[in-house]
Each structure stands twice: as C-alpha cells, then as structure tokens.
Amino acid sequence: MLKKLFGKNITEESFVSPVNGKVVPLEEVPDPVFAEKMMGDGIAIEPTDETIVSPIDAEVVQVFETKHAIGLKTAMGLELLLHIGLDTVNLKGEGFETFVKAGDKVSAGDKLVTFEKAFIEANAKSSITPVIITNYEASEYTLEALYPEKAIAGETQIFQVKKI
C-alpha cells in the first residue's frame, strides 16, 4: 500500500548526503553487519566533517540513547537508519550532540547530530557512516545508488528508491 502525501501517491524518493564526504558501497564498510546488508540496503559515507543532516523530508522515529544513530521514516514508509561510525555505541554518547527527538518532522538538510570526528576515530573502529533502509525489500523496491567522490551534506543525491 502506498503512502499518500499532499494527496499524491508516493512511488519514489531521492536521498541526499547526510554528511560531507566520499560515498562508498556498503560492501566497503569494515563491519559484516553493514557490508553484508544484514540490516538493509543503502550506502556509506566517509565523513570529512562533523555534522549529520537529514537526507530527506521525514519523521524522526528514534534517537538512540547513545546518540550514535538516528532512525527516520519517509513519506513512502521507508525506514532509514543513519549510523555514525562503527562500534560507536560503546562510546555511550560521548562525542555526540543531538538536535532532534522522536516525533520531530525534519526536512532534507536539517541538522540532526554533530560528532567529534577525531574523538570517534581515536576511540571507535571507524567514523564511516552507513545510511541504511532497514525495511528495504528487493521484491518491492529498486535502489539506485550513486557514488560521488565529494558529496555535500543536504545537497548531493546519494540514492533513489522506487516502488516496483
């Protein structure tokens, strides 16, 4: 069943980069949970700065207590996970500051989280940031990923999802 937004059926959505950096395939993430797409499909970004913005107009459905990840839900019903770094849950929120809470409505480009990149790189496995659609089903959607060398947060398109 398609979601309705402004009286129109939504059948495709475009996502912009949530952080400045280089977009890479999930398979290059040095963690099998992401690289083998166990949590869903998407891309990852090697960040060059410290601000995470919303990649799409959405509702914030979860802000992890440890501030290392944000869950969003789009108008089409896609559930998106922005996971800042690898093994960052172990930092227990240190090095992160959130600017949203569950229930907030956000637009593409709205600031969600800032993080201390140097601290994360010194105290966690990596600062690479997977952007995952956790309810992605290949039988229901197609995902076209783009891999720009230099993505600009809130501007550069990183992937598009279409309902089949």
N, C-alpha and C. Protein backbone atom coordinates (compact mmCIF):
# COMPACT_ATOMS: atom_id res chain seq x y z
N MET A 1 0.84 -1.18 0.00
CA MET A 1 0.00 0.00 0.00
C MET A 1 0.89 1.25 0.00
N LEU A 2 0.62 2.16 -0.90
CA LEU A 2 1.41 3.38 -1.00
C LEU A 2 0.92 4.42 -0.01
N LYS A 3 1.86 5.16 0.51
CA LYS A 3 1.52 6.25 1.42
C LYS A 3 1.07 7.45 0.60
N LYS A 4 0.27 8.30 1.19
CA LYS A 4 -0.17 9.50 0.49
C LYS A 4 0.43 10.72 1.16
N LEU A 5 0.88 11.64 0.34
CA LEU A 5 1.43 12.89 0.82
C LEU A 5 0.88 13.99 -0.08
N PHE A 6 0.21 14.95 0.50
CA PHE A 6 -0.41 16.04 -0.26
C PHE A 6 -1.34 15.49 -1.34
N GLY A 7 -2.02 14.39 -1.04
CA GLY A 7 -2.99 13.83 -1.97
C GLY A 7 -2.40 13.04 -3.12
N LYS A 8 -1.08 12.84 -3.14
CA LYS A 8 -0.45 12.11 -4.24
C LYS A 8 0.14 10.80 -3.72
N ASN A 9 0.08 9.77 -4.55
CA ASN A 9 0.75 8.53 -4.19
C ASN A 9 2.25 8.72 -4.38
N ILE A 10 3.01 8.37 -3.37
CA ILE A 10 4.46 8.49 -3.45
C ILE A 10 5.01 7.14 -3.93
N THR A 11 5.71 7.15 -5.05
CA THR A 11 6.25 5.91 -5.60
C THR A 11 7.77 5.94 -5.72
N GLU A 12 8.38 7.09 -5.45
CA GLU A 12 9.83 7.17 -5.46
C GLU A 12 10.30 8.30 -4.56
N GLU A 13 11.49 8.10 -3.99
CA GLU A 13 12.07 9.12 -3.12
C GLU A 13 13.57 9.21 -3.40
N SER A 14 14.08 10.43 -3.34
CA SER A 14 15.50 10.68 -3.53
C SER A 14 16.11 11.10 -2.20
N PHE A 15 17.31 10.61 -1.95
CA PHE A 15 18.01 10.88 -0.71
C PHE A 15 19.29 11.64 -1.00
N VAL A 16 19.57 12.67 -0.19
CA VAL A 16 20.80 13.44 -0.32
C VAL A 16 21.76 13.03 0.79
N SER A 17 23.00 13.39 0.62
CA SER A 17 24.01 13.00 1.60
C SER A 17 23.72 13.64 2.97
N PRO A 18 23.83 12.84 4.04
CA PRO A 18 23.62 13.40 5.37
C PRO A 18 24.88 14.07 5.95
N VAL A 19 26.02 13.92 5.25
CA VAL A 19 27.27 14.48 5.76
C VAL A 19 28.21 14.72 4.57
N ASN A 20 29.06 15.72 4.68
CA ASN A 20 30.07 15.94 3.65
C ASN A 20 31.04 14.76 3.66
N GLY A 21 31.39 14.28 2.48
CA GLY A 21 32.35 13.19 2.42
C GLY A 21 32.27 12.41 1.13
N LYS A 22 32.95 11.26 1.13
CA LYS A 22 33.00 10.38 -0.04
C LYS A 22 32.00 9.25 0.15
N VAL A 23 31.15 9.04 -0.85
CA VAL A 23 30.15 7.97 -0.81
C VAL A 23 30.79 6.68 -1.30
N VAL A 24 30.60 5.60 -0.52
CA VAL A 24 31.18 4.30 -0.88
C VAL A 24 30.10 3.21 -0.77
N PRO A 25 30.28 2.11 -1.50
CA PRO A 25 29.33 1.00 -1.39
C PRO A 25 29.36 0.39 0.02
N LEU A 26 28.22 -0.12 0.45
CA LEU A 26 28.16 -0.78 1.77
C LEU A 26 29.18 -1.89 1.89
N GLU A 27 29.45 -2.57 0.78
CA GLU A 27 30.41 -3.69 0.81
C GLU A 27 31.79 -3.26 1.28
N GLU A 28 32.10 -1.96 1.24
CA GLU A 28 33.40 -1.45 1.69
C GLU A 28 33.43 -1.08 3.16
N VAL A 29 32.30 -1.19 3.85
CA VAL A 29 32.27 -0.89 5.28
C VAL A 29 32.95 -2.03 6.03
N PRO A 30 33.93 -1.72 6.89
CA PRO A 30 34.67 -2.77 7.60
C PRO A 30 33.90 -3.36 8.79
N ASP A 31 32.67 -3.78 8.52
CA ASP A 31 31.83 -4.42 9.53
C ASP A 31 30.84 -5.30 8.76
N PRO A 32 30.84 -6.62 9.01
CA PRO A 32 29.99 -7.51 8.22
C PRO A 32 28.49 -7.23 8.35
N VAL A 33 28.04 -6.70 9.47
CA VAL A 33 26.61 -6.41 9.64
C VAL A 33 26.15 -5.44 8.56
N PHE A 34 26.97 -4.44 8.25
CA PHE A 34 26.64 -3.47 7.21
C PHE A 34 27.07 -3.96 5.84
N ALA A 35 28.31 -4.46 5.72
CA ALA A 35 28.86 -4.87 4.43
C ALA A 35 28.04 -5.98 3.78
N GLU A 36 27.49 -6.88 4.57
CA GLU A 36 26.68 -7.98 4.04
C GLU A 36 25.19 -7.65 4.02
N LYS A 37 24.87 -6.39 4.27
CA LYS A 37 23.50 -5.86 4.19
C LYS A 37 22.52 -6.60 5.10
N MET A 38 23.00 -7.02 6.27
CA MET A 38 22.15 -7.71 7.23
C MET A 38 21.07 -6.78 7.79
N MET A 39 21.36 -5.49 7.86
CA MET A 39 20.40 -4.52 8.41
C MET A 39 19.54 -3.88 7.32
N GLY A 40 19.94 -4.04 6.06
CA GLY A 40 19.23 -3.43 4.96
C GLY A 40 20.19 -2.95 3.89
N ASP A 41 19.64 -2.25 2.90
CA ASP A 41 20.45 -1.78 1.78
C ASP A 41 20.67 -0.27 1.89
N GLY A 42 21.68 0.21 1.20
CA GLY A 42 21.98 1.63 1.21
C GLY A 42 23.39 1.90 0.75
N ILE A 43 24.02 2.88 1.36
CA ILE A 43 25.40 3.27 1.04
C ILE A 43 26.09 3.65 2.35
N ALA A 44 27.34 4.03 2.25
CA ALA A 44 28.06 4.56 3.41
C ALA A 44 28.85 5.79 2.97
N ILE A 45 29.18 6.62 3.94
CA ILE A 45 29.92 7.85 3.64
C ILE A 45 31.12 7.94 4.58
N GLU A 46 32.27 8.22 3.98
CA GLU A 46 33.47 8.50 4.76
C GLU A 46 33.42 10.01 5.02
N PRO A 47 33.04 10.42 6.25
CA PRO A 47 32.81 11.85 6.50
C PRO A 47 34.09 12.68 6.51
N THR A 48 33.93 13.92 6.02
CA THR A 48 35.04 14.88 6.07
C THR A 48 34.73 16.02 7.03
N ASP A 49 33.52 16.00 7.62
CA ASP A 49 33.21 16.99 8.64
C ASP A 49 32.41 16.33 9.76
N GLU A 50 31.75 17.11 10.60
CA GLU A 50 31.19 16.58 11.84
C GLU A 50 29.71 16.87 12.04
N THR A 51 28.97 17.16 10.97
CA THR A 51 27.55 17.46 11.11
C THR A 51 26.73 16.50 10.25
N ILE A 52 25.74 15.86 10.87
CA ILE A 52 24.82 14.96 10.17
C ILE A 52 23.50 15.70 9.98
N VAL A 53 23.02 15.75 8.74
CA VAL A 53 21.74 16.39 8.43
C VAL A 53 20.78 15.33 7.89
N SER A 54 19.51 15.68 7.86
CA SER A 54 18.53 14.75 7.32
C SER A 54 18.71 14.61 5.81
N PRO A 55 18.73 13.38 5.31
CA PRO A 55 18.89 13.17 3.87
C PRO A 55 17.58 13.28 3.09
N ILE A 56 16.45 13.50 3.81
CA ILE A 56 15.14 13.52 3.16
C ILE A 56 14.13 14.13 4.13
N ASP A 57 13.02 14.61 3.62
CA ASP A 57 11.92 15.04 4.48
C ASP A 57 11.38 13.78 5.17
N ALA A 58 11.28 13.80 6.48
CA ALA A 58 10.91 12.59 7.20
C ALA A 58 10.46 12.91 8.62
N GLU A 59 10.05 11.85 9.32
CA GLU A 59 9.75 11.94 10.74
C GLU A 59 10.86 11.22 11.50
N VAL A 60 11.33 11.82 12.57
CA VAL A 60 12.31 11.16 13.42
C VAL A 60 11.56 10.12 14.24
N VAL A 61 11.92 8.85 14.09
CA VAL A 61 11.23 7.80 14.84
C VAL A 61 12.07 7.29 16.01
N GLN A 62 13.39 7.52 15.93
CA GLN A 62 14.24 7.09 17.05
C GLN A 62 15.53 7.88 17.08
N VAL A 63 15.88 8.31 18.28
CA VAL A 63 17.20 8.88 18.55
C VAL A 63 17.78 7.96 19.61
N PHE A 64 18.80 7.22 19.23
CA PHE A 64 19.39 6.26 20.16
C PHE A 64 19.92 6.98 21.39
N GLU A 65 19.75 6.39 22.54
CA GLU A 65 20.20 6.99 23.80
C GLU A 65 21.69 7.32 23.75
N THR A 66 22.45 6.52 23.02
CA THR A 66 23.89 6.73 22.89
C THR A 66 24.23 7.74 21.79
N LYS A 67 23.23 8.32 21.16
CA LYS A 67 23.34 9.41 20.19
C LYS A 67 24.12 9.07 18.92
N HIS A 68 24.52 7.82 18.75
CA HIS A 68 25.34 7.42 17.61
C HIS A 68 24.51 7.07 16.37
N ALA A 69 23.18 7.05 16.51
CA ALA A 69 22.32 6.67 15.39
C ALA A 69 20.96 7.34 15.51
N ILE A 70 20.36 7.57 14.34
CA ILE A 70 19.04 8.20 14.24
C ILE A 70 18.20 7.35 13.29
N GLY A 71 16.94 7.13 13.65
CA GLY A 71 16.00 6.44 12.77
C GLY A 71 14.99 7.42 12.21
N LEU A 72 14.75 7.37 10.90
CA LEU A 72 13.80 8.25 10.23
C LEU A 72 12.78 7.42 9.47
N LYS A 73 11.59 7.97 9.26
CA LYS A 73 10.58 7.32 8.43
C LYS A 73 10.13 8.32 7.38
N THR A 74 10.17 7.90 6.10
CA THR A 74 9.83 8.79 4.99
C THR A 74 8.35 8.73 4.67
N ALA A 75 7.91 9.63 3.80
CA ALA A 75 6.51 9.67 3.37
C ALA A 75 6.09 8.37 2.69
N MET A 76 7.03 7.71 2.01
CA MET A 76 6.74 6.45 1.32
C MET A 76 6.72 5.27 2.29
N GLY A 77 7.13 5.53 3.54
CA GLY A 77 7.14 4.46 4.55
C GLY A 77 8.47 3.77 4.70
N LEU A 78 9.50 4.30 4.04
CA LEU A 78 10.83 3.72 4.19
C LEU A 78 11.40 4.09 5.56
N GLU A 79 12.05 3.12 6.19
CA GLU A 79 12.67 3.34 7.49
C GLU A 79 14.18 3.42 7.28
N LEU A 80 14.73 4.56 7.65
CA LEU A 80 16.12 4.86 7.39
C LEU A 80 16.91 4.92 8.68
N LEU A 81 18.09 4.29 8.68
CA LEU A 81 19.00 4.34 9.82
C LEU A 81 20.25 5.08 9.41
N LEU A 82 20.57 6.14 10.15
CA LEU A 82 21.83 6.86 9.99
C LEU A 82 22.70 6.43 11.16
N HIS A 83 23.76 5.68 10.88
CA HIS A 83 24.61 5.10 11.93
C HIS A 83 25.98 5.75 11.85
N ILE A 84 26.30 6.61 12.81
CA ILE A 84 27.54 7.38 12.78
C ILE A 84 28.69 6.54 13.35
N GLY A 85 29.57 6.11 12.48
CA GLY A 85 30.73 5.35 12.89
C GLY A 85 30.42 3.89 13.17
N LEU A 86 31.49 3.14 13.45
CA LEU A 86 31.38 1.72 13.77
C LEU A 86 31.82 1.50 15.21
N ASP A 87 31.08 0.68 15.92
CA ASP A 87 31.32 0.41 17.35
C ASP A 87 31.21 1.66 18.20
N THR A 88 30.46 2.65 17.71
CA THR A 88 30.31 3.92 18.44
C THR A 88 29.28 3.81 19.57
N VAL A 89 28.47 2.77 19.57
CA VAL A 89 27.54 2.56 20.68
C VAL A 89 28.32 2.45 21.99
N ASN A 90 29.54 1.93 21.91
CA ASN A 90 30.38 1.76 23.10
C ASN A 90 30.86 3.08 23.69
N LEU A 91 30.71 4.16 22.96
CA LEU A 91 31.12 5.48 23.47
C LEU A 91 30.08 6.08 24.42
N LYS A 92 28.91 5.44 24.49
CA LYS A 92 27.84 5.84 25.42
C LYS A 92 27.46 7.32 25.30
N GLY A 93 27.45 7.81 24.07
CA GLY A 93 27.02 9.19 23.83
C GLY A 93 28.13 10.22 23.84
N GLU A 94 29.30 9.86 24.34
CA GLU A 94 30.41 10.81 24.40
C GLU A 94 30.88 11.14 22.98
N GLY A 95 31.05 12.41 22.70
CA GLY A 95 31.49 12.85 21.38
C GLY A 95 30.34 13.16 20.43
N PHE A 96 29.09 13.05 20.90
CA PHE A 96 27.91 13.30 20.07
C PHE A 96 27.00 14.34 20.72
N GLU A 97 26.32 15.13 19.89
CA GLU A 97 25.27 16.03 20.37
C GLU A 97 24.10 15.93 19.39
N THR A 98 22.91 15.66 19.92
CA THR A 98 21.72 15.54 19.06
C THR A 98 20.91 16.84 19.10
N PHE A 99 20.17 17.08 18.02
CA PHE A 99 19.38 18.29 17.88
C PHE A 99 17.91 18.00 17.60
N VAL A 100 17.53 16.72 17.61
CA VAL A 100 16.14 16.31 17.35
C VAL A 100 15.73 15.25 18.36
N LYS A 101 14.42 14.99 18.39
CA LYS A 101 13.89 13.92 19.25
C LYS A 101 12.84 13.15 18.47
N ALA A 102 12.49 11.98 18.95
CA ALA A 102 11.46 11.17 18.29
C ALA A 102 10.17 11.99 18.17
N GLY A 103 9.54 11.89 17.01
CA GLY A 103 8.31 12.62 16.74
C GLY A 103 8.52 13.91 15.96
N ASP A 104 9.77 14.42 15.94
CA ASP A 104 10.05 15.64 15.18
C ASP A 104 9.91 15.37 13.68
N LYS A 105 9.42 16.36 12.96
CA LYS A 105 9.39 16.33 11.50
C LYS A 105 10.61 17.12 11.02
N VAL A 106 11.35 16.55 10.08
CA VAL A 106 12.55 17.22 9.58
C VAL A 106 12.49 17.30 8.06
N SER A 107 13.19 18.28 7.53
CA SER A 107 13.33 18.45 6.09
C SER A 107 14.76 18.09 5.70
N ALA A 108 14.94 17.72 4.44
CA ALA A 108 16.28 17.44 3.95
C ALA A 108 17.19 18.62 4.25
N GLY A 109 18.33 18.35 4.85
CA GLY A 109 19.28 19.40 5.19
C GLY A 109 19.20 19.89 6.63
N ASP A 110 18.14 19.52 7.37
CA ASP A 110 18.04 19.92 8.78
C ASP A 110 19.09 19.19 9.62
N LYS A 111 19.72 19.93 10.53
CA LYS A 111 20.77 19.35 11.38
C LYS A 111 20.15 18.36 12.37
N LEU A 112 20.75 17.14 12.42
CA LEU A 112 20.30 16.10 13.34
C LEU A 112 21.28 15.86 14.48
N VAL A 113 22.56 15.74 14.14
CA VAL A 113 23.59 15.35 15.11
C VAL A 113 24.91 16.00 14.72
N THR A 114 25.70 16.37 15.73
CA THR A 114 27.11 16.69 15.48
C THR A 114 27.94 15.68 16.24
N PHE A 115 29.14 15.45 15.75
CA PHE A 115 30.03 14.48 16.40
C PHE A 115 31.47 14.96 16.29
N GLU A 116 32.27 14.49 17.23
CA GLU A 116 33.69 14.84 17.24
C GLU A 116 34.44 13.75 16.48
N LYS A 117 34.74 14.03 15.22
CA LYS A 117 35.34 13.05 14.33
C LYS A 117 36.66 12.50 14.87
N ALA A 118 37.53 13.36 15.34
CA ALA A 118 38.83 12.91 15.85
C ALA A 118 38.65 12.00 17.07
N PHE A 119 37.71 12.35 17.95
CA PHE A 119 37.45 11.53 19.13
C PHE A 119 36.93 10.15 18.72
N ILE A 120 36.00 10.13 17.77
CA ILE A 120 35.44 8.86 17.31
C ILE A 120 36.52 8.01 16.65
N GLU A 121 37.33 8.62 15.81
CA GLU A 121 38.39 7.86 15.13
C GLU A 121 39.43 7.34 16.11
N ALA A 122 39.62 8.03 17.23
CA ALA A 122 40.58 7.58 18.24
C ALA A 122 39.98 6.52 19.18
N ASN A 123 38.65 6.51 19.33
CA ASN A 123 38.04 5.65 20.35
C ASN A 123 37.05 4.61 19.83
N ALA A 124 36.83 4.59 18.52
CA ALA A 124 35.92 3.61 17.92
C ALA A 124 36.61 3.02 16.69
N LYS A 125 35.97 2.06 16.07
CA LYS A 125 36.56 1.35 14.93
C LYS A 125 36.73 2.26 13.71
N SER A 126 35.76 3.16 13.47
CA SER A 126 35.77 4.00 12.27
C SER A 126 34.72 5.08 12.41
N SER A 127 34.88 6.15 11.62
CA SER A 127 33.85 7.20 11.57
C SER A 127 32.94 7.02 10.35
N ILE A 128 33.18 5.97 9.55
CA ILE A 128 32.34 5.75 8.36
C ILE A 128 30.87 5.69 8.79
N THR A 129 30.01 6.27 7.99
CA THR A 129 28.60 6.43 8.36
C THR A 129 27.67 5.72 7.38
N PRO A 130 27.21 4.52 7.73
CA PRO A 130 26.23 3.83 6.89
C PRO A 130 24.88 4.54 6.90
N VAL A 131 24.24 4.57 5.73
CA VAL A 131 22.90 5.13 5.56
C VAL A 131 22.07 3.97 4.99
N ILE A 132 21.22 3.38 5.84
CA ILE A 132 20.59 2.10 5.53
C ILE A 132 19.06 2.22 5.52
N ILE A 133 18.43 1.62 4.52
CA ILE A 133 16.97 1.46 4.55
C ILE A 133 16.73 0.10 5.19
N THR A 134 16.24 0.12 6.42
CA THR A 134 16.13 -1.11 7.20
C THR A 134 14.94 -1.98 6.79
N ASN A 135 13.94 -1.39 6.14
CA ASN A 135 12.80 -2.19 5.70
C ASN A 135 12.80 -2.36 4.18
N TYR A 136 13.98 -2.34 3.60
CA TYR A 136 14.13 -2.50 2.15
C TYR A 136 13.87 -3.95 1.75
N GLU A 137 12.98 -4.13 0.80
CA GLU A 137 12.69 -5.45 0.23
C GLU A 137 12.89 -5.35 -1.27
N ALA A 138 13.84 -6.12 -1.80
CA ALA A 138 14.16 -6.07 -3.23
C ALA A 138 12.96 -6.40 -4.10
N SER A 139 12.00 -7.16 -3.54
CA SER A 139 10.81 -7.50 -4.32
C SER A 139 9.81 -6.35 -4.40
N GLU A 140 9.96 -5.35 -3.53
CA GLU A 140 9.03 -4.22 -3.50
C GLU A 140 9.63 -2.93 -4.04
N TYR A 141 10.96 -2.79 -3.97
CA TYR A 141 11.62 -1.54 -4.32
C TYR A 141 12.86 -1.79 -5.18
N THR A 142 13.27 -0.75 -5.89
CA THR A 142 14.58 -0.75 -6.52
C THR A 142 15.36 0.40 -5.88
N LEU A 143 16.64 0.18 -5.66
CA LEU A 143 17.50 1.20 -5.08
C LEU A 143 18.62 1.47 -6.07
N GLU A 144 18.71 2.72 -6.51
CA GLU A 144 19.78 3.14 -7.41
C GLU A 144 20.73 4.01 -6.61
N ALA A 145 21.92 3.47 -6.34
CA ALA A 145 22.92 4.19 -5.56
C ALA A 145 23.84 4.98 -6.47
N LEU A 146 24.26 6.15 -6.00
CA LEU A 146 25.23 6.98 -6.70
C LEU A 146 26.45 7.09 -5.81
N TYR A 147 27.61 7.21 -6.40
CA TYR A 147 28.84 7.23 -5.61
C TYR A 147 29.71 8.44 -5.92
N PRO A 148 29.24 9.64 -5.58
CA PRO A 148 30.08 10.82 -5.84
C PRO A 148 31.32 10.82 -4.94
N GLU A 149 32.44 11.24 -5.50
CA GLU A 149 33.70 11.33 -4.74
C GLU A 149 33.57 12.37 -3.63
N LYS A 150 32.80 13.43 -3.91
CA LYS A 150 32.68 14.52 -2.96
C LYS A 150 31.21 14.87 -2.80
N ALA A 151 30.57 14.34 -1.77
CA ALA A 151 29.17 14.63 -1.51
C ALA A 151 29.04 15.80 -0.54
N ILE A 152 28.08 16.66 -0.80
CA ILE A 152 27.82 17.80 0.06
C ILE A 152 26.54 17.53 0.84
N ALA A 153 26.64 17.64 2.16
CA ALA A 153 25.51 17.37 3.05
C ALA A 153 24.30 18.22 2.66
N GLY A 154 23.14 17.55 2.55
CA GLY A 154 21.90 18.24 2.25
C GLY A 154 21.71 18.62 0.80
N GLU A 155 22.70 18.31 -0.07
CA GLU A 155 22.62 18.72 -1.47
C GLU A 155 22.84 17.59 -2.46
N THR A 156 23.90 16.83 -2.31
CA THR A 156 24.28 15.82 -3.30
C THR A 156 23.43 14.57 -3.18
N GLN A 157 22.77 14.19 -4.29
CA GLN A 157 21.95 12.97 -4.26
C GLN A 157 22.85 11.74 -4.13
N ILE A 158 22.47 10.82 -3.20
CA ILE A 158 23.26 9.62 -2.98
C ILE A 158 22.55 8.34 -3.41
N PHE A 159 21.23 8.33 -3.34
CA PHE A 159 20.47 7.23 -3.91
C PHE A 159 19.01 7.58 -4.07
N GLN A 160 18.35 6.74 -4.89
CA GLN A 160 16.93 6.92 -5.15
C GLN A 160 16.27 5.56 -5.00
N VAL A 161 15.08 5.55 -4.38
CA VAL A 161 14.34 4.32 -4.20
C VAL A 161 13.00 4.47 -4.93
N LYS A 162 12.66 3.44 -5.71
CA LYS A 162 11.38 3.44 -6.43
C LYS A 162 10.58 2.23 -6.02
N LYS A 163 9.29 2.44 -5.86
CA LYS A 163 8.35 1.34 -5.60
C LYS A 163 8.12 0.61 -6.91
N ILE A 164 8.20 -0.71 -6.87
CA ILE A 164 8.00 -1.51 -8.09
C ILE A 164 6.52 -1.64 -8.38
